[in-house]
Protein backbone atom coordinates (compact mmCIF):
# COMPACT_ATOMS: atom_id res chain seq x y z
CA MET A 1 22.70 123.46 29.71
CA GLU A 2 23.63 125.84 32.55
CA ASP A 3 20.36 124.94 34.25
CA PHE A 4 21.09 121.23 33.75
CA HIS A 5 24.58 121.57 35.24
CA ARG A 6 23.09 123.30 38.29
CA LEU A 7 20.60 120.45 38.62
CA ILE A 8 23.41 117.87 38.49
CA ALA A 9 25.40 119.73 41.15
CA LYS A 10 22.43 120.30 43.47
CA ALA A 11 21.35 116.67 43.22
CA ARG A 12 24.81 115.47 44.20
CA GLU A 13 24.67 117.64 47.32
CA HIS A 14 21.76 115.38 48.33
CA ARG A 15 23.60 112.19 47.26
CA ILE A 16 21.34 111.83 44.21
CA GLU A 17 22.51 110.97 40.71
CA ILE A 18 20.56 112.20 37.70
CA ALA A 19 19.67 109.43 35.26
CA LEU A 20 18.51 109.98 31.68
CA ASP A 21 15.98 108.05 29.64
CA ILE A 22 17.45 107.19 26.24
CA ALA A 23 14.87 106.44 23.55
CA PHE A 24 16.35 105.95 20.08
CA GLN A 25 13.81 107.39 17.67
CA CYS A 26 13.07 110.75 16.07
CA ALA A 27 10.20 113.16 15.80
CA PRO A 28 8.90 113.38 12.22
CA ASP A 29 10.52 116.84 11.82
CA HIS A 30 13.95 115.92 13.25
CA PRO A 31 16.87 117.32 11.19
CA TRP A 32 18.37 113.85 10.72
CA ILE A 33 15.40 112.85 8.55
CA ALA A 34 16.40 115.46 5.98
CA GLU A 35 20.17 115.11 6.50
CA HIS A 36 20.33 111.28 6.65
CA PRO A 37 17.16 109.81 5.12
CA GLU A 38 19.06 106.52 4.62
CA TRP A 39 19.06 105.99 8.41
CA PHE A 40 15.28 105.41 8.52
CA LEU A 41 12.86 102.71 7.46
CA LYS A 42 10.52 103.56 4.62
CA ARG A 43 7.21 102.21 3.36
CA PRO A 44 6.80 101.08 -0.27
CA ASP A 45 5.44 104.54 -1.14
CA GLY A 46 8.67 106.17 0.13
CA SER A 47 7.20 107.69 3.30
CA ILE A 48 9.02 107.25 6.63
CA GLN A 49 7.68 104.34 8.68
CA TYR A 50 6.44 105.14 12.20
CA ALA A 51 7.48 103.12 15.25
CA GLU A 52 5.75 99.96 16.45
CA ASN A 53 6.24 97.66 19.42
CA PRO A 54 3.35 95.23 18.85
CA PRO A 55 0.61 95.54 19.82
CA LYS A 56 1.42 99.22 20.43
CA LYS A 57 1.76 101.75 17.60
CA TYR A 58 3.62 105.05 18.03
CA GLU A 59 2.61 107.20 15.09
CA ASP A 60 4.30 110.35 16.46
CA ILE A 61 7.86 108.94 16.23
CA VAL A 62 9.97 107.20 13.60
CA PRO A 63 12.52 104.41 14.23
CA PHE A 64 16.03 104.00 12.87
CA ASN A 65 17.07 101.38 10.36
CA PHE A 66 20.02 99.85 12.20
CA GLU A 67 20.86 97.69 9.18
CA CYS A 68 20.97 100.48 6.61
CA GLU A 69 23.90 100.83 4.22
CA ASP A 70 25.41 103.58 6.38
CA TRP A 71 25.01 101.59 9.60
CA ARG A 72 28.45 102.63 10.86
CA GLY A 73 27.55 106.31 10.55
CA LEU A 74 24.23 105.72 12.33
CA TRP A 75 25.75 103.62 15.12
CA ASN A 76 28.49 106.20 15.76
CA ALA A 77 25.91 109.01 15.86
CA LEU A 78 23.79 107.13 18.40
CA LYS A 79 26.83 106.35 20.55
CA GLY A 80 27.61 110.06 20.33
CA ILE A 81 24.38 110.80 22.19
CA PHE A 82 25.70 108.87 25.18
CA ASP A 83 29.10 110.56 24.84
CA PHE A 84 27.47 114.00 24.94
CA TRP A 85 25.51 113.36 28.15
CA ILE A 86 28.44 111.64 29.85
CA LYS A 87 30.40 114.88 29.34
CA GLN A 88 27.55 116.74 31.08
CA GLY A 89 27.96 114.55 34.18
CA VAL A 90 25.38 111.78 33.58
CA LYS A 91 26.50 108.25 34.42
CA ILE A 92 23.16 106.39 34.56
CA PHE A 93 20.98 105.64 31.53
CA ARG A 94 17.60 103.94 31.34
CA VAL A 95 17.39 102.59 27.79
CA ASP A 96 13.95 102.38 26.23
CA ASN A 97 13.10 99.09 24.47
CA PRO A 98 16.67 97.91 23.84
CA HIS A 99 15.35 94.55 22.64
CA THR A 100 14.05 96.22 19.45
CA LYS A 101 17.63 97.12 18.44
CA PRO A 102 20.35 94.73 17.22
CA PHE A 103 22.34 92.90 19.88
CA SER A 104 25.53 93.70 18.00
CA PHE A 105 24.84 97.42 18.35
CA TRP A 106 24.58 97.19 22.13
CA GLU A 107 27.62 94.95 22.42
CA ARG A 108 29.71 97.47 20.48
CA CYS A 109 28.18 100.64 21.97
CA ILE A 110 28.21 99.64 25.66
CA GLY A 111 31.60 97.99 25.32
CA GLU A 112 33.20 101.14 23.92
CA LEU A 113 31.47 103.41 26.44
CA LYS A 114 32.40 101.30 29.47
CA ASP A 115 35.96 100.92 28.24
CA LYS A 116 36.43 104.64 28.93
CA ASN A 117 33.80 104.99 31.70
CA PRO A 118 33.57 101.70 33.65
CA GLU A 119 31.32 103.30 36.29
CA LEU A 120 28.41 103.73 33.84
CA ILE A 121 25.08 102.09 34.69
CA PHE A 122 22.68 100.94 31.97
CA LEU A 123 19.13 99.90 32.91
CA SER A 124 17.41 97.74 30.29
CA GLU A 125 13.72 98.63 29.95
CA ALA A 126 12.78 95.42 28.16
CA PHE A 127 9.59 93.54 28.99
CA THR A 128 10.07 90.75 26.50
CA ARG A 129 10.85 87.03 26.29
CA PRO A 130 13.19 85.81 29.05
CA LYS A 131 15.97 84.67 26.71
CA MET A 132 16.06 88.11 25.10
CA MET A 133 16.23 89.89 28.46
CA TYR A 134 19.01 87.59 29.59
CA ARG A 135 20.95 88.18 26.34
CA LEU A 136 20.83 91.94 26.93
CA ALA A 137 22.32 91.39 30.39
CA ARG A 138 25.18 89.41 28.88
CA LEU A 139 25.85 92.21 26.40
CA GLY A 140 26.54 94.76 29.12
CA PHE A 141 23.31 96.09 30.61
CA THR A 142 23.91 96.60 34.32
CA GLN A 143 20.33 96.08 35.46
CA SER A 144 17.12 94.91 33.88
CA TYR A 145 13.38 95.23 34.15
CA ASN A 146 11.65 91.89 34.68
CA TYR A 147 8.31 90.17 35.26
CA PHE A 148 7.98 91.18 38.92
CA PRO A 149 4.91 93.42 38.28
CA TRP A 150 2.92 90.36 37.20
CA ARG A 151 4.10 87.88 39.83
CA ASN A 152 1.48 88.07 42.57
CA THR A 153 0.93 84.67 44.21
CA LYS A 154 3.19 82.91 46.68
CA PHE A 155 4.04 80.21 44.13
CA GLU A 156 4.78 82.73 41.36
CA LEU A 157 7.01 84.92 43.52
CA THR A 158 8.92 82.01 45.06
CA GLU A 159 9.51 80.27 41.73
CA TYR A 160 10.52 83.45 39.92
CA PHE A 161 12.94 84.80 42.51
CA ASN A 162 14.55 81.41 43.02
CA GLU A 163 15.29 81.55 39.29
CA LEU A 164 16.61 85.14 39.39
CA THR A 165 18.89 84.63 42.40
CA ARG A 166 20.56 81.36 41.44
CA PRO A 167 23.14 80.45 38.81
CA PRO A 168 23.39 80.62 35.92
CA LEU A 169 21.09 83.64 35.72
CA ALA A 170 22.43 85.30 38.85
CA ASP A 171 25.95 85.17 37.40
CA PHE A 172 25.23 87.92 34.87
CA MET A 173 21.77 89.46 35.35
CA ARG A 174 20.94 92.05 38.01
CA TYR A 175 17.23 92.77 38.38
CA ASN A 176 15.61 96.08 39.30
CA LEU A 177 12.10 95.77 40.71
CA TRP A 178 9.35 98.20 39.65
CA PRO A 179 5.75 97.74 40.93
CA ASN A 180 4.58 100.26 38.32
CA THR A 181 5.96 102.42 35.52
CA PRO A 182 4.49 105.27 33.43
CA ASP A 183 3.41 102.50 31.03
CA ILE A 184 2.28 99.82 33.50
CA LEU A 185 -0.60 99.85 35.97
CA THR A 186 -1.20 96.19 36.81
CA GLN A 187 -4.56 94.63 37.54
CA PHE A 188 -3.39 93.95 41.11
CA LEU A 189 -2.86 97.67 41.74
CA GLN A 190 -6.11 98.55 39.97
CA SER A 191 -8.23 96.29 42.16
CA GLY A 192 -6.39 96.20 45.48
CA GLY A 193 -6.61 99.80 46.67
CA ARG A 194 -4.01 101.46 48.88
CA GLU A 195 -3.21 98.12 50.51
CA ALA A 196 -2.07 96.67 47.18
CA PHE A 197 0.37 99.55 46.73
CA MET A 198 1.82 98.92 50.20
CA ILE A 199 2.21 95.20 49.46
CA ARG A 200 4.01 95.72 46.16
CA LEU A 201 6.22 98.47 47.60
CA ILE A 202 7.44 96.28 50.47
CA LEU A 203 7.97 93.28 48.17
CA ALA A 204 10.03 95.39 45.75
CA GLY A 205 12.09 97.02 48.49
CA THR A 206 12.97 93.79 50.29
CA LEU A 207 13.16 91.17 47.51
CA GLY A 208 15.64 93.22 45.49
CA ALA A 209 18.76 95.25 46.16
CA SER A 210 17.48 97.80 43.59
CA TYR A 211 13.90 98.95 43.11
CA GLY A 212 12.02 101.90 41.69
CA ILE A 213 8.55 103.40 41.45
CA TYR A 214 6.78 105.76 39.07
CA GLY A 215 6.71 108.38 41.80
CA PRO A 216 3.64 110.57 42.44
CA ALA A 217 1.23 108.10 40.84
CA PHE A 218 2.49 105.37 43.17
CA GLU A 219 2.81 107.57 46.27
CA LEU A 220 -0.83 108.64 45.86
CA CYS A 221 -2.05 105.14 44.90
CA GLU A 222 -3.50 106.24 41.58
CA ASN A 223 -5.16 103.19 40.06
CA THR A 224 -7.53 104.30 37.29
CA PRO A 225 -6.80 102.55 33.96
CA ARG A 226 -7.30 104.02 30.51
CA GLU A 227 -10.05 101.45 29.89
CA PRO A 228 -11.35 98.35 31.75
CA ASP A 229 -8.99 95.78 30.23
CA SER A 230 -6.00 98.09 29.97
CA GLU A 231 -2.84 98.18 32.08
CA GLU A 232 -2.13 101.80 31.14
CA TYR A 233 -2.90 104.86 33.25
CA ALA A 234 -5.98 106.89 32.32
CA ASN A 235 -4.09 110.11 33.04
CA SER A 236 -0.45 109.71 32.14
CA GLU A 237 2.25 112.33 32.45
CA LYS A 238 3.47 111.15 29.07
CA TYR A 239 0.64 113.18 27.52
CA GLU A 240 -0.20 115.94 29.99
CA ILE A 241 1.24 118.02 32.80
CA ARG A 242 -0.02 116.74 36.15
CA HIS A 243 -0.26 118.73 39.36
CA TRP A 244 -0.05 116.36 42.33
CA ASP A 245 -1.23 116.93 45.90
CA LEU A 246 1.68 115.10 47.52
CA ASP A 247 0.33 115.88 51.00
CA ALA A 248 -2.96 114.08 50.43
CA PRO A 249 -3.88 112.04 53.54
CA HIS A 250 -3.70 108.68 51.73
CA ASN A 251 -0.14 109.22 50.44
CA LEU A 252 2.56 106.58 51.03
CA SER A 253 5.50 108.96 51.43
CA GLY A 254 6.02 108.04 55.10
CA LEU A 255 6.13 104.32 54.36
CA ILE A 256 8.43 104.85 51.36
CA ALA A 257 10.82 106.95 53.44
CA ARG A 258 10.84 104.41 56.27
CA LEU A 259 11.44 101.51 53.86
CA ASN A 260 14.37 103.33 52.26
CA GLN A 261 15.86 104.05 55.70
CA VAL A 262 15.57 100.36 56.61
CA ARG A 263 17.36 99.45 53.36
CA ARG A 264 20.19 101.91 54.05
CA GLU A 265 20.71 100.67 57.60
CA ASN A 266 20.69 96.92 56.85
CA PRO A 267 23.40 95.50 54.55
CA ALA A 268 21.46 92.24 54.17
CA LEU A 269 18.91 94.07 51.99
CA GLN A 270 21.62 95.46 49.71
CA SER A 271 22.30 92.16 47.92
CA ASN A 272 20.33 89.78 45.70
CA MET A 273 22.47 86.71 46.34
CA ASN A 274 21.32 85.79 49.84
CA LEU A 275 17.54 85.44 49.40
CA LYS A 276 15.86 82.39 51.02
CA PHE A 277 12.16 81.60 51.24
CA HIS A 278 10.64 79.97 54.33
CA SER A 279 7.66 77.72 54.87
CA THR A 280 4.28 79.03 56.05
CA ASP A 281 1.03 77.08 56.31
CA ASN A 282 -0.98 79.86 54.63
CA ASP A 283 -0.54 80.52 50.90
CA GLN A 284 -1.34 84.21 51.45
CA LEU A 285 1.71 84.64 53.70
CA LEU A 286 5.07 84.95 51.95
CA ALA A 287 8.14 84.73 54.18
CA TYR A 288 11.77 85.19 53.16
CA SER A 289 15.07 86.24 54.69
CA LYS A 290 18.29 87.93 53.69
CA MET A 291 21.49 87.61 55.72
CA THR A 292 25.03 88.95 55.47
CA GLU A 293 27.79 86.37 55.13
CA ASP A 294 28.91 86.82 58.74
CA LYS A 295 25.27 86.50 59.95
CA SER A 296 25.57 89.82 61.80
CA ASN A 297 22.61 91.30 59.92
CA LEU A 298 19.56 89.11 59.24
CA ILE A 299 16.28 90.50 57.94
CA LEU A 300 13.10 88.40 57.83
CA THR A 301 10.21 89.80 55.79
CA ILE A 302 6.69 88.43 56.01
CA VAL A 303 4.05 89.80 53.63
CA ASN A 304 0.30 89.27 53.50
CA LEU A 305 -0.28 88.96 49.75
CA SER A 306 -4.00 89.69 50.04
CA PRO A 307 -4.92 93.40 49.98
CA HIS A 308 -8.42 92.65 51.25
CA TYR A 309 -8.28 90.24 54.20
CA THR A 310 -6.33 89.58 57.39
CA HIS A 311 -4.32 86.36 57.20
CA SER A 312 -2.53 84.36 59.86
CA GLY A 313 -0.43 81.24 60.02
CA TRP A 314 2.59 79.41 61.38
CA LEU A 315 6.07 80.13 60.12
CA GLU A 316 8.98 77.66 60.09
CA LEU A 317 12.52 79.05 60.42
CA PRO A 318 15.89 77.26 60.01
CA LEU A 319 17.35 78.49 63.30
CA GLU A 320 20.62 76.61 62.92
CA GLU A 321 21.30 78.40 59.63
CA PHE A 322 20.63 81.67 61.46
CA GLY A 323 23.14 80.78 64.19
CA ILE A 324 20.49 80.40 66.91
CA GLU A 325 20.19 77.54 69.37
CA PRO A 326 16.74 75.95 68.91
CA ARG A 327 15.79 76.40 72.58
CA ARG A 328 17.16 79.91 72.93
CA THR A 329 14.78 82.89 72.97
CA PHE A 330 15.48 85.48 70.31
CA GLN A 331 14.04 88.89 69.57
CA MET A 332 12.39 90.01 66.34
CA HIS A 333 12.46 93.79 65.93
CA ASP A 334 9.88 95.12 63.44
CA LEU A 335 11.73 97.90 61.65
CA LEU A 336 8.54 99.40 60.19
CA THR A 337 6.71 99.89 63.48
CA ASP A 338 9.57 99.63 66.04
CA THR A 339 7.65 96.79 67.74
CA ARG A 340 9.62 93.93 69.34
CA PHE A 341 8.55 90.30 69.61
CA PHE A 342 10.14 87.48 71.62
CA TRP A 343 10.16 84.21 69.71
CA ASN A 344 11.24 80.78 70.83
CA GLY A 345 11.92 77.79 68.63
CA PRO A 346 11.61 77.38 64.86
CA ARG A 347 7.80 77.58 64.69
CA ASN A 348 6.08 80.91 65.37
CA TYR A 349 2.68 82.50 64.78
CA VAL A 350 2.13 85.49 62.49
CA GLU A 351 -0.98 87.57 61.77
CA LEU A 352 -1.12 90.53 59.35
CA ASN A 353 -3.98 92.95 58.72
CA PRO A 354 -3.42 94.67 55.33
CA HIS A 355 -5.60 97.62 56.32
CA ARG A 356 -3.08 98.48 59.04
CA LEU A 357 0.22 97.27 57.60
CA PRO A 358 0.48 94.21 55.32
CA ALA A 359 3.99 93.16 56.32
CA HIS A 360 6.64 92.72 58.98
CA ILE A 361 10.24 93.62 58.21
CA LEU A 362 11.96 91.95 61.15
CA ARG A 363 15.57 92.21 62.22
CA LEU A 364 16.69 89.17 64.18
CA ARG A 365 18.49 90.02 67.41
CA ARG A 366 20.25 87.19 69.22
CA TYR A 367 20.42 86.84 72.98
CA SER A 368 23.76 88.23 74.18
CA ARG A 369 23.52 89.29 77.84
CA THR A 370 26.59 90.70 79.58
CA GLU A 371 27.12 92.40 82.90
CA HIS A 372 28.10 95.59 81.07
CA ASP A 373 25.15 96.06 78.75
CA PHE A 374 21.41 96.07 79.41
CA ASP A 375 20.56 95.58 75.73
CA TYR A 376 20.44 91.79 75.91
CA PHE A 377 19.52 91.29 72.27
CA LEU A 378 22.05 92.43 69.69
C-alpha cells in the first residue's frame, strides 16, 4: 500500500487521477468461497458456478449470487470494497459489467457512497441494450460506455449522436467515447490500417467531452484479431505481459498529444450539449461544430470517414448562427497543422487525404481589425 500511496501522490503532481477497475467476482480459491459459500451460485451438483456473459464464458472466475439469503451481508461487503479504496485516495471507478448485477444494488451502493463522497466518478462498462445502459445512468453512474465503436458511417454517427446529445437522454446520461478497449478491436480498425486509428481517435476526441483509448495497442495501431471473425485482440495484456516499443515510427503519440492540447485549450470541446452536424455533399465527409454559449470559441471538425481514399466536397455552414455576416471573410485555423484558411460565405470546399491527415479541427476566427492590433482575426 505504501507503493500505491506514492503512485497516487506522484500522479497528482502531474494532474492525473488514478482510477480503479472494479470487477465483482472471485477467483476459485478466494477466502470468501470458504467463509461465505451462501454468497455464490451453485450448480445442481453443489459445485460453484463460473461466470458467463453470453456468448463469453469465464471459467477462471466465479460470480456472486446477489439474491442469496444473506444479500445484505454480501451487498455491504461489496460496498466495503469501494469504501476501502476511497480511503486510499481513489475517486474514480470503472465498473465491469454493471448490467449483470441488480439495479437495486447499484441504486443503494452508489447512493450511499456519493452521499458521503459526492465527487466520486463511476464509469459504466456496459455494452448492452440501450434501455439497460440508460437505466444504469439514472441509477447514478456518472459516465457510460456506448455504441460509438460500431458507428462508422455518416448516417450512423449523425443519428446516434443526435440521440445522445438531446433530451431526454442528454438529461441524465453522459457518454465516454472509446475507439477500442482491451476487449474490443473493431472490424474498422482491423481493416483500415493506421489511417483508421487516426479517424477514430479524432472522432472520439471531438464528438465527446470525455474519451479514452486502450493505450499502447491504440498508439501503435495494433490490429491483429484473435481469429478472422473475432473482435478480440490476438495478443491481449489480459493474458500476458507485453513489452511495447512506444517510439516505433508509426506511433500516434504526437497526434494524441496534439489532440489533447486542442481539447484543453478550447472550451467548446469540453461539453456534449452543443454538438451540431452540418451538410456536406459527400457521404464520406462528416462535419460538425461545437460552440460555447457566448460564441467566443467555435470549433468545426471535418473528418474523412474513409481510411483508404481521398475525399472532397462542399460544406454548408449556418453563418448567422455562428455570428458571422454572410459576406464577411472569416478565417479557419487548423489546430492540428497550424494552417490557416480564408473562407467566404456559407459554402466552402474541403478535401482530405487520410494518408496525410484524415481531418481538420478548425477554430473559427472572426474578422476584427483595429488600429491597435495586427491580428485581424480573433
